[in-house]
Structure formats: C-alpha cells, structure tokens
C-alpha cells in the first residue's frame, strides 16, 4: 500500500514540475513565433536601408 502512495506522490510531483517548466517557457517567450523565421527568407520585399 505504501508503494502505491509513493508512486502517486512521485507522479504528482513530476506533473507539478512539468507544469512549472511549461509556465516558465511561456513567460520567457519560448513559444513566441516559431513559423515566421522559416518563411522570412521567401519574402520578396526589398530590405529597407
């Protein structure tokens, strides 16, 4: 019985740690714009000097 309780507590702790890591990534703009850089080289606009 104590093994089951230990496994539940460990899984909750890992889930909470993953949630905190996700929140940190969102707040530090890790998911800012992942599509734009690969399309930027295909733009036909002249560079402004």
PDB file of N, CA and C in Angstrom:
ATOM      1  N   UNK A   1       0.821  -1.195   0.000  1.00  0.00           N
ATOM      2  CA  UNK A   1       0.000   0.000   0.000  1.00  0.00           C
ATOM      3  C   UNK A   1       0.866   1.260   0.000  1.00  0.00           C
ATOM      4  N   UNK A   2       1.948   1.247   0.749  1.00  0.00           N
ATOM      5  CA  UNK A   2       2.790   2.438   0.812  1.00  0.00           C
ATOM      6  C   UNK A   2       3.501   2.679  -0.513  1.00  0.00           C
ATOM      7  N   UNK A   3       3.725   1.610  -1.282  1.00  0.00           N
ATOM      8  CA  UNK A   3       4.359   1.764  -2.590  1.00  0.00           C
ATOM      9  C   UNK A   3       3.443   2.520  -3.546  1.00  0.00           C
ATOM     10  N   UNK A   4       2.146   2.199  -3.498  1.00  0.00           N
ATOM     11  CA  UNK A   4       1.183   2.889  -4.343  1.00  0.00           C
ATOM     12  C   UNK A   4       1.100   4.366  -3.980  1.00  0.00           C
ATOM     13  N   UNK A   5       1.086   4.654  -2.711  1.00  0.00           N
ATOM     14  CA  UNK A   5       1.045   6.038  -2.260  1.00  0.00           C
ATOM     15  C   UNK A   5       2.315   6.782  -2.685  1.00  0.00           C
ATOM     16  N   UNK A   6       3.452   6.142  -2.579  1.00  0.00           N
ATOM     17  CA  UNK A   6       4.705   6.753  -3.001  1.00  0.00           C
ATOM     18  C   UNK A   6       4.699   7.045  -4.497  1.00  0.00           C
ATOM     19  N   UNK A   7       4.219   6.101  -5.291  1.00  0.00           N
ATOM     20  CA  UNK A   7       4.169   6.314  -6.733  1.00  0.00           C
ATOM     21  C   UNK A   7       3.203   7.432  -7.104  1.00  0.00           C
ATOM     22  N   UNK A   8       2.104   7.548  -6.408  1.00  0.00           N
ATOM     23  CA  UNK A   8       1.156   8.631  -6.663  1.00  0.00           C
ATOM     24  C   UNK A   8       1.789   9.975  -6.333  1.00  0.00           C
ATOM     25  N   UNK A   9       2.474  10.050  -5.205  1.00  0.00           N
ATOM     26  CA  UNK A   9       3.129  11.303  -4.818  1.00  0.00           C
ATOM     27  C   UNK A   9       4.252  11.683  -5.785  1.00  0.00           C
ATOM     28  N   UNK A  10       5.008  10.716  -6.232  1.00  0.00           N
ATOM     29  CA  UNK A  10       6.079  10.994  -7.189  1.00  0.00           C
ATOM     30  C   UNK A  10       5.503  11.475  -8.514  1.00  0.00           C
ATOM     31  N   UNK A  11       4.430  10.850  -8.987  1.00  0.00           N
ATOM     32  CA  UNK A  11       3.829  11.276 -10.255  1.00  0.00           C
ATOM     33  C   UNK A  11       3.210  12.665 -10.140  1.00  0.00           C
ATOM     34  N   UNK A  12       2.624  12.991  -8.999  1.00  0.00           N
ATOM     35  CA  UNK A  12       2.091  14.343  -8.805  1.00  0.00           C
ATOM     36  C   UNK A  12       3.219  15.374  -8.764  1.00  0.00           C
ATOM     37  N   UNK A  13       4.314  15.032  -8.131  1.00  0.00           N
ATOM     38  CA  UNK A  13       5.450  15.955  -8.073  1.00  0.00           C
ATOM     39  C   UNK A  13       6.045  16.179  -9.465  1.00  0.00           C
ATOM     40  N   UNK A  14       6.167  15.130 -10.256  1.00  0.00           N
ATOM     41  CA  UNK A  14       6.682  15.276 -11.615  1.00  0.00           C
ATOM     42  C   UNK A  14       5.732  16.080 -12.488  1.00  0.00           C
ATOM     43  N   UNK A  15       4.445  15.860 -12.334  1.00  0.00           N
ATOM     44  CA  UNK A  15       3.467  16.636 -13.084  1.00  0.00           C
ATOM     45  C   UNK A  15       3.513  18.104 -12.724  1.00  0.00           C
ATOM     46  N   UNK A  16       3.648  18.410 -11.445  1.00  0.00           N
ATOM     47  CA  UNK A  16       3.745  19.792 -10.993  1.00  0.00           C
ATOM     48  C   UNK A  16       5.020  20.444 -11.517  1.00  0.00           C
ATOM     49  N   UNK A  17       6.118  19.707 -11.518  1.00  0.00           N
ATOM     50  CA  UNK A  17       7.376  20.239 -12.043  1.00  0.00           C
ATOM     51  C   UNK A  17       7.268  20.512 -13.543  1.00  0.00           C
ATOM     52  N   UNK A  18       6.606  19.642 -14.277  1.00  0.00           N
ATOM     53  CA  UNK A  18       6.415  19.858 -15.714  1.00  0.00           C
ATOM     54  C   UNK A  18       5.538  21.082 -15.956  1.00  0.00           C
ATOM     55  N   UNK A  19       4.523  21.272 -15.136  1.00  0.00           N
ATOM     56  CA  UNK A  19       3.653  22.445 -15.262  1.00  0.00           C
ATOM     57  C   UNK A  19       4.432  23.732 -15.002  1.00  0.00           C
ATOM     58  N   UNK A  20       5.290  23.735 -13.978  1.00  0.00           N
ATOM     59  CA  UNK A  20       6.110  24.908 -13.696  1.00  0.00           C
ATOM     60  C   UNK A  20       7.087  25.199 -14.831  1.00  0.00           C
ATOM     61  N   UNK A  21       7.657  24.157 -15.412  1.00  0.00           N
ATOM     62  CA  UNK A  21       8.565  24.330 -16.545  1.00  0.00           C
ATOM     63  C   UNK A  21       7.826  24.906 -17.745  1.00  0.00           C
ATOM     64  N   UNK A  22       6.611  24.451 -17.984  1.00  0.00           N
ATOM     65  CA  UNK A  22       5.805  24.983 -19.083  1.00  0.00           C
ATOM     66  C   UNK A  22       5.476  26.454 -18.844  1.00  0.00           C
ATOM     67  N   UNK A  23       5.097  26.814 -17.627  1.00  0.00           N
ATOM     68  CA  UNK A  23       4.789  28.211 -17.322  1.00  0.00           C
ATOM     69  C   UNK A  23       6.020  29.096 -17.496  1.00  0.00           C
ATOM     70  N   UNK A  24       7.179  28.618 -17.088  1.00  0.00           N
ATOM     71  CA  UNK A  24       8.407  29.369 -17.278  1.00  0.00           C
ATOM     72  C   UNK A  24       8.686  29.587 -18.766  1.00  0.00           C
ATOM     73  N   UNK A  25       8.472  28.552 -19.580  1.00  0.00           N
ATOM     74  CA  UNK A  25       8.735  28.665 -21.015  1.00  0.00           C
ATOM     75  C   UNK A  25       7.795  29.672 -21.662  1.00  0.00           C
ATOM     76  N   UNK A  26       6.546  29.699 -21.244  1.00  0.00           N
ATOM     77  CA  UNK A  26       5.594  30.650 -21.811  1.00  0.00           C
ATOM     78  C   UNK A  26       5.945  32.072 -21.392  1.00  0.00           C
ATOM     79  N   UNK A  27       6.308  32.270 -20.131  1.00  0.00           N
ATOM     80  CA  UNK A  27       6.627  33.614 -19.649  1.00  0.00           C
ATOM     81  C   UNK A  27       7.924  34.157 -20.233  1.00  0.00           C
ATOM     82  N   UNK A  28       8.846  33.290 -20.616  1.00  0.00           N
ATOM     83  CA  UNK A  28      10.105  33.763 -21.181  1.00  0.00           C
ATOM     84  C   UNK A  28      10.077  33.765 -22.706  1.00  0.00           C
ATOM     85  N   UNK A  29       8.884  33.741 -23.289  1.00  0.00           N
ATOM     86  CA  UNK A  29       8.660  33.850 -24.747  1.00  0.00           C
ATOM     87  C   UNK A  29       9.359  32.758 -25.556  1.00  0.00           C
ATOM     88  N   UNK A  30       9.405  31.560 -25.048  1.00  0.00           N
ATOM     89  CA  UNK A  30       9.973  30.454 -25.803  1.00  0.00           C
ATOM     90  C   UNK A  30       9.068  30.044 -26.963  1.00  0.00           C
ATOM     91  N   UNK A  31       7.772  30.336 -26.845  1.00  0.00           N
ATOM     92  CA  UNK A  31       6.812  29.994 -27.884  1.00  0.00           C
ATOM     93  C   UNK A  31       6.385  31.236 -28.660  1.00  0.00           C
ATOM     94  N   UNK A  32       7.282  32.181 -28.838  1.00  0.00           N
ATOM     95  CA  UNK A  32       6.939  33.468 -29.420  1.00  0.00           C
ATOM     96  C   UNK A  32       6.408  33.325 -30.844  1.00  0.00           C
ATOM     97  N   UNK A  33       7.218  32.956 -31.791  1.00  0.00           N
ATOM     98  CA  UNK A  33       6.776  32.781 -33.172  1.00  0.00           C
ATOM     99  C   UNK A  33       7.698  31.770 -33.840  1.00  0.00           C
ATOM    100  N   UNK A  34       7.245  30.554 -33.939  1.00  0.00           N
ATOM    101  CA  UNK A  34       8.107  29.502 -34.477  1.00  0.00           C
ATOM    102  C   UNK A  34       7.973  29.344 -35.985  1.00  0.00           C
ATOM    103  N   UNK A  35       6.923  29.897 -36.587  1.00  0.00           N
ATOM    104  CA  UNK A  35       6.703  29.733 -38.019  1.00  0.00           C
ATOM    105  C   UNK A  35       7.346  30.841 -38.860  1.00  0.00           C
ATOM    106  N   UNK A  36       7.465  32.029 -38.335  1.00  0.00           N
ATOM    107  CA  UNK A  36       7.919  33.174 -39.123  1.00  0.00           C
ATOM    108  C   UNK A  36       9.353  33.047 -39.636  1.00  0.00           C
ATOM    109  N   UNK A  37      10.326  32.590 -38.868  1.00  0.00           N
ATOM    110  CA  UNK A  37      11.702  32.573 -39.393  1.00  0.00           C
ATOM    111  C   UNK A  37      11.875  31.731 -40.652  1.00  0.00           C
ATOM    112  N   UNK A  38      11.162  30.642 -40.779  1.00  0.00           N
ATOM    113  CA  UNK A  38      11.355  29.829 -41.980  1.00  0.00           C
ATOM    114  C   UNK A  38      10.643  30.404 -43.198  1.00  0.00           C
ATOM    115  N   UNK A  39       9.692  31.311 -42.988  1.00  0.00           N
ATOM    116  CA  UNK A  39       9.021  31.950 -44.121  1.00  0.00           C
ATOM    117  C   UNK A  39       9.636  33.300 -44.477  1.00  0.00           C
ATOM    118  N   UNK A  40      10.462  33.834 -43.608  1.00  0.00           N
ATOM    119  CA  UNK A  40      11.051  35.147 -43.838  1.00  0.00           C
ATOM    120  C   UNK A  40      11.946  35.164 -45.062  1.00  0.00           C
ATOM    121  N   UNK A  41      12.649  34.083 -45.340  1.00  0.00           N
ATOM    122  CA  UNK A  41      13.556  34.071 -46.475  1.00  0.00           C
ATOM    123  C   UNK A  41      12.819  34.022 -47.805  1.00  0.00           C
ATOM    124  N   UNK A  42      11.512  33.716 -47.788  1.00  0.00           N
ATOM    125  CA  UNK A  42      10.744  33.654 -49.018  1.00  0.00           C
ATOM    126  C   UNK A  42      10.053  34.972 -49.357  1.00  0.00           C
ATOM    127  N   UNK A  43      10.150  35.956 -48.486  1.00  0.00           N
ATOM    128  CA  UNK A  43       9.535  37.252 -48.753  1.00  0.00           C
ATOM    129  C   UNK A  43      10.234  37.940 -49.912  1.00  0.00           C
ATOM    130  N   UNK A  44       9.455  38.585 -50.785  1.00  0.00           N
ATOM    131  CA  UNK A  44      10.004  39.262 -51.941  1.00  0.00           C
ATOM    132  C   UNK A  44      10.261  40.746 -51.700  1.00  0.00           C
ATOM    133  N   UNK A  45      10.006  41.208 -50.527  1.00  0.00           N
ATOM    134  CA  UNK A  45      10.187  42.630 -50.234  1.00  0.00           C
ATOM    135  C   UNK A  45      11.668  42.983 -50.198  1.00  0.00           C
ATOM    136  N   UNK A  46      11.965  44.182 -50.666  1.00  0.00           N
ATOM    137  CA  UNK A  46      13.333  44.680 -50.610  1.00  0.00           C
ATOM    138  C   UNK A  46      13.655  45.094 -49.179  1.00  0.00           C
ATOM    139  N   UNK A  47      14.888  44.930 -48.792  1.00  0.00           N
ATOM    140  CA  UNK A  47      15.286  45.335 -47.458  1.00  0.00           C
ATOM    141  C   UNK A  47      15.356  46.858 -47.390  1.00  0.00           C
ATOM    142  N   UNK A  48      14.882  47.400 -46.286  1.00  0.00           N
ATOM    143  CA  UNK A  48      14.958  48.845 -46.093  1.00  0.00           C
ATOM    144  C   UNK A  48      16.343  49.208 -45.596  1.00  0.00           C
ATOM    145  N   UNK A  49      16.933  50.215 -46.211  1.00  0.00           N
ATOM    146  CA  UNK A  49      18.297  50.608 -45.828  1.00  0.00           C
ATOM    147  C   UNK A  49      18.286  51.931 -45.169  1.00  0.00           C
TER     148      UNK A  49
END
